[in-house]
Amino acid sequence: MIAVFRLLTAAPLKDYRTQVLGAVVFITALANWLVGDMSLTDFLQALPAMAGGLGLTALGAKVNGVKEVNGVEESAAPKTRARKAK
């Protein structure tokens, strides 16, 4: 029962929820157009939402790239450190 609850709450993906959400938004709009549930004009109107979904995916990658080491947040990029306020 606990395993089912963990799957329903997406516990295995807890560090990647933002990327998953963005990818789902993009793939849903694309799949709706590909199977014929939306016309080309509806698809073009959904492009801003699709771009937002891809933006969420990129944002999630940036957020997950930050690691905390001894009270200092260190980005995946070199020479990018910021002191954490206590």
N, C-alpha and C. Protein backbone atom coordinates (compact mmCIF):
# COMPACT_ATOMS: atom_id res chain seq x y z
N MET A 1 0.81 -1.19 0.00
CA MET A 1 0.00 0.00 0.00
C MET A 1 0.86 1.26 0.00
N ILE A 2 1.96 1.21 0.73
CA ILE A 2 2.86 2.36 0.78
C ILE A 2 3.50 2.60 -0.60
N ALA A 3 3.82 1.52 -1.29
CA ALA A 3 4.42 1.66 -2.62
C ALA A 3 3.44 2.32 -3.60
N VAL A 4 2.17 1.98 -3.51
CA VAL A 4 1.16 2.59 -4.38
C VAL A 4 1.03 4.08 -4.07
N PHE A 5 1.03 4.42 -2.77
CA PHE A 5 0.94 5.82 -2.37
C PHE A 5 2.15 6.61 -2.87
N ARG A 6 3.33 6.01 -2.78
CA ARG A 6 4.53 6.69 -3.27
C ARG A 6 4.46 6.93 -4.78
N LEU A 7 3.92 5.98 -5.53
CA LEU A 7 3.78 6.16 -6.98
C LEU A 7 2.74 7.22 -7.31
N LEU A 8 1.64 7.26 -6.57
CA LEU A 8 0.60 8.25 -6.82
C LEU A 8 1.07 9.67 -6.53
N THR A 9 1.94 9.81 -5.55
CA THR A 9 2.46 11.14 -5.20
C THR A 9 3.75 11.47 -5.94
N ALA A 10 4.18 10.60 -6.83
CA ALA A 10 5.39 10.79 -7.64
C ALA A 10 6.64 10.93 -6.76
N ALA A 11 6.70 10.19 -5.68
CA ALA A 11 7.85 10.25 -4.79
C ALA A 11 9.16 9.86 -5.48
N PRO A 12 9.18 8.87 -6.39
CA PRO A 12 10.45 8.55 -7.04
C PRO A 12 10.98 9.70 -7.90
N LEU A 13 10.10 10.61 -8.32
CA LEU A 13 10.51 11.72 -9.17
C LEU A 13 10.55 13.04 -8.41
N LYS A 14 10.74 13.00 -7.08
CA LYS A 14 10.61 14.22 -6.29
C LYS A 14 11.58 15.32 -6.70
N ASP A 15 12.72 14.98 -7.22
CA ASP A 15 13.68 16.01 -7.64
C ASP A 15 13.47 16.46 -9.08
N TYR A 16 12.57 15.81 -9.78
CA TYR A 16 12.38 16.10 -11.21
C TYR A 16 10.94 16.47 -11.55
N ARG A 17 10.14 16.86 -10.57
CA ARG A 17 8.72 17.15 -10.83
C ARG A 17 8.54 18.31 -11.79
N THR A 18 9.37 19.32 -11.70
CA THR A 18 9.23 20.47 -12.59
C THR A 18 9.49 20.08 -14.04
N GLN A 19 10.54 19.29 -14.26
CA GLN A 19 10.83 18.84 -15.61
C GLN A 19 9.71 17.96 -16.15
N VAL A 20 9.18 17.08 -15.32
CA VAL A 20 8.10 16.19 -15.76
C VAL A 20 6.86 17.00 -16.11
N LEU A 21 6.52 17.99 -15.29
CA LEU A 21 5.35 18.83 -15.56
C LEU A 21 5.51 19.57 -16.89
N GLY A 22 6.67 20.16 -17.11
CA GLY A 22 6.91 20.87 -18.36
C GLY A 22 6.85 19.96 -19.57
N ALA A 23 7.42 18.79 -19.45
CA ALA A 23 7.41 17.84 -20.57
C ALA A 23 5.99 17.34 -20.85
N VAL A 24 5.20 17.13 -19.80
CA VAL A 24 3.82 16.66 -19.99
C VAL A 24 2.99 17.73 -20.71
N VAL A 25 3.17 19.00 -20.34
CA VAL A 25 2.44 20.07 -21.02
C VAL A 25 2.78 20.10 -22.50
N PHE A 26 4.06 20.01 -22.82
CA PHE A 26 4.50 20.04 -24.21
C PHE A 26 3.99 18.82 -24.98
N ILE A 27 4.17 17.64 -24.42
CA ILE A 27 3.81 16.40 -25.12
C ILE A 27 2.30 16.30 -25.29
N THR A 28 1.53 16.77 -24.32
CA THR A 28 0.06 16.70 -24.43
C THR A 28 -0.44 17.53 -25.61
N ALA A 29 0.04 18.77 -25.72
CA ALA A 29 -0.40 19.61 -26.84
C ALA A 29 0.05 19.03 -28.18
N LEU A 30 1.27 18.55 -28.24
CA LEU A 30 1.78 17.97 -29.47
C LEU A 30 1.00 16.71 -29.85
N ALA A 31 0.73 15.85 -28.88
CA ALA A 31 -0.01 14.61 -29.16
C ALA A 31 -1.44 14.91 -29.60
N ASN A 32 -2.08 15.90 -28.99
CA ASN A 32 -3.44 16.25 -29.40
C ASN A 32 -3.47 16.69 -30.87
N TRP A 33 -2.47 17.41 -31.29
CA TRP A 33 -2.42 17.85 -32.69
C TRP A 33 -2.11 16.67 -33.61
N LEU A 34 -1.19 15.81 -33.21
CA LEU A 34 -0.79 14.70 -34.07
C LEU A 34 -1.91 13.69 -34.29
N VAL A 35 -2.74 13.46 -33.29
CA VAL A 35 -3.82 12.48 -33.45
C VAL A 35 -5.08 13.11 -34.04
N GLY A 36 -5.08 14.40 -34.23
CA GLY A 36 -6.20 15.06 -34.88
C GLY A 36 -7.25 15.62 -33.95
N ASP A 37 -6.96 15.69 -32.66
CA ASP A 37 -7.93 16.25 -31.71
C ASP A 37 -7.97 17.77 -31.75
N MET A 38 -6.95 18.38 -32.32
CA MET A 38 -6.95 19.84 -32.46
C MET A 38 -6.50 20.21 -33.86
N SER A 39 -7.05 21.30 -34.34
CA SER A 39 -6.70 21.76 -35.69
C SER A 39 -5.37 22.51 -35.64
N LEU A 40 -4.89 22.87 -36.82
CA LEU A 40 -3.63 23.60 -36.88
C LEU A 40 -3.73 24.96 -36.19
N THR A 41 -4.86 25.62 -36.32
CA THR A 41 -5.02 26.92 -35.65
C THR A 41 -5.05 26.76 -34.14
N ASP A 42 -5.70 25.70 -33.65
CA ASP A 42 -5.69 25.43 -32.20
C ASP A 42 -4.27 25.11 -31.73
N PHE A 43 -3.55 24.37 -32.57
CA PHE A 43 -2.16 24.03 -32.23
C PHE A 43 -1.31 25.29 -32.15
N LEU A 44 -1.48 26.19 -33.09
CA LEU A 44 -0.71 27.44 -33.07
C LEU A 44 -1.09 28.31 -31.87
N GLN A 45 -2.34 28.24 -31.45
CA GLN A 45 -2.75 28.97 -30.26
C GLN A 45 -2.18 28.33 -28.99
N ALA A 46 -1.89 27.04 -29.04
CA ALA A 46 -1.33 26.34 -27.88
C ALA A 46 0.19 26.48 -27.81
N LEU A 47 0.81 27.06 -28.82
CA LEU A 47 2.27 27.21 -28.81
C LEU A 47 2.81 27.97 -27.60
N PRO A 48 2.17 29.05 -27.14
CA PRO A 48 2.70 29.70 -25.93
C PRO A 48 2.70 28.78 -24.70
N ALA A 49 1.66 27.95 -24.56
CA ALA A 49 1.63 27.01 -23.45
C ALA A 49 2.73 25.95 -23.60
N MET A 50 2.96 25.53 -24.84
CA MET A 50 4.02 24.55 -25.09
C MET A 50 5.39 25.15 -24.77
N ALA A 51 5.59 26.41 -25.16
CA ALA A 51 6.86 27.07 -24.84
C ALA A 51 7.01 27.24 -23.34
N GLY A 52 5.90 27.51 -22.65
CA GLY A 52 5.94 27.59 -21.20
C GLY A 52 6.31 26.27 -20.56
N GLY A 53 5.80 25.18 -21.13
CA GLY A 53 6.15 23.86 -20.63
C GLY A 53 7.62 23.55 -20.81
N LEU A 54 8.15 23.92 -21.96
CA LEU A 54 9.59 23.73 -22.18
C LEU A 54 10.41 24.64 -21.27
N GLY A 55 9.87 25.83 -20.99
CA GLY A 55 10.54 26.74 -20.05
C GLY A 55 10.58 26.15 -18.65
N LEU A 56 9.49 25.51 -18.23
CA LEU A 56 9.48 24.84 -16.93
C LEU A 56 10.52 23.72 -16.88
N THR A 57 10.64 23.00 -17.98
CA THR A 57 11.63 21.94 -18.04
C THR A 57 13.04 22.50 -17.88
N ALA A 58 13.33 23.60 -18.56
CA ALA A 58 14.64 24.23 -18.45
C ALA A 58 14.86 24.80 -17.05
N LEU A 59 13.82 25.39 -16.47
CA LEU A 59 13.94 25.94 -15.12
C LEU A 59 14.22 24.84 -14.11
N GLY A 60 13.53 23.73 -14.25
CA GLY A 60 13.76 22.61 -13.34
C GLY A 60 15.17 22.08 -13.43
N ALA A 61 15.73 22.06 -14.61
CA ALA A 61 17.11 21.60 -14.78
C ALA A 61 18.06 22.56 -14.08
N LYS A 62 17.79 23.87 -14.13
CA LYS A 62 18.64 24.85 -13.47
C LYS A 62 18.53 24.72 -11.96
N VAL A 63 17.32 24.55 -11.44
CA VAL A 63 17.11 24.44 -10.00
C VAL A 63 17.74 23.18 -9.46
N ASN A 64 17.62 22.08 -10.18
CA ASN A 64 18.19 20.82 -9.71
C ASN A 64 19.70 20.79 -9.85
N GLY A 65 20.27 21.72 -10.60
CA GLY A 65 21.72 21.77 -10.76
C GLY A 65 22.43 22.45 -9.61
N VAL A 66 21.67 23.00 -8.66
CA VAL A 66 22.26 23.71 -7.52
C VAL A 66 22.39 22.74 -6.36
N LYS A 67 23.58 22.70 -5.78
CA LYS A 67 23.82 21.84 -4.63
C LYS A 67 24.31 22.70 -3.47
N GLU A 68 23.94 22.32 -2.26
CA GLU A 68 24.37 23.06 -1.09
C GLU A 68 25.55 22.33 -0.46
N VAL A 69 26.64 23.06 -0.27
CA VAL A 69 27.83 22.49 0.34
C VAL A 69 28.25 23.42 1.47
N ASN A 70 28.14 22.95 2.70
CA ASN A 70 28.53 23.71 3.89
C ASN A 70 27.88 25.09 3.95
N GLY A 71 26.60 25.17 3.70
CA GLY A 71 25.88 26.44 3.78
C GLY A 71 26.07 27.34 2.58
N VAL A 72 26.79 26.87 1.56
CA VAL A 72 27.02 27.66 0.35
C VAL A 72 26.34 26.95 -0.81
N GLU A 73 25.48 27.67 -1.53
CA GLU A 73 24.84 27.08 -2.70
C GLU A 73 25.79 27.17 -3.87
N GLU A 74 26.08 26.04 -4.47
CA GLU A 74 27.01 26.00 -5.59
C GLU A 74 26.29 25.50 -6.82
N SER A 75 26.35 26.27 -7.88
CA SER A 75 25.68 25.90 -9.12
C SER A 75 26.55 24.92 -9.89
N ALA A 76 25.92 24.30 -10.88
CA ALA A 76 26.67 23.39 -11.73
C ALA A 76 27.68 24.15 -12.58
N ALA A 77 27.39 25.44 -12.82
CA ALA A 77 28.32 26.27 -13.57
C ALA A 77 29.50 26.65 -12.66
N PRO A 78 30.70 26.73 -13.20
CA PRO A 78 31.86 27.07 -12.37
C PRO A 78 31.82 28.53 -11.90
N LYS A 79 32.41 28.77 -10.74
CA LYS A 79 32.56 30.10 -10.15
C LYS A 79 31.23 30.81 -9.90
N THR A 80 30.24 30.07 -9.51
CA THR A 80 28.95 30.68 -9.20
C THR A 80 28.55 30.25 -7.79
N ARG A 81 28.86 31.07 -6.82
CA ARG A 81 28.54 30.76 -5.44
C ARG A 81 27.80 31.92 -4.81
N ALA A 82 26.87 31.58 -3.97
CA ALA A 82 26.13 32.62 -3.25
C ALA A 82 25.96 32.16 -1.81
N ARG A 83 26.23 33.04 -0.86
CA ARG A 83 26.06 32.69 0.54
C ARG A 83 24.57 32.62 0.86
N LYS A 84 24.21 31.63 1.63
CA LYS A 84 22.82 31.46 2.02
C LYS A 84 22.56 32.29 3.27
N ALA A 85 21.45 33.03 3.28
CA ALA A 85 21.11 33.83 4.46
C ALA A 85 20.65 32.90 5.57
N LYS A 86 21.13 33.16 6.77
CA LYS A 86 20.76 32.29 7.91
C LYS A 86 19.71 32.95 8.74
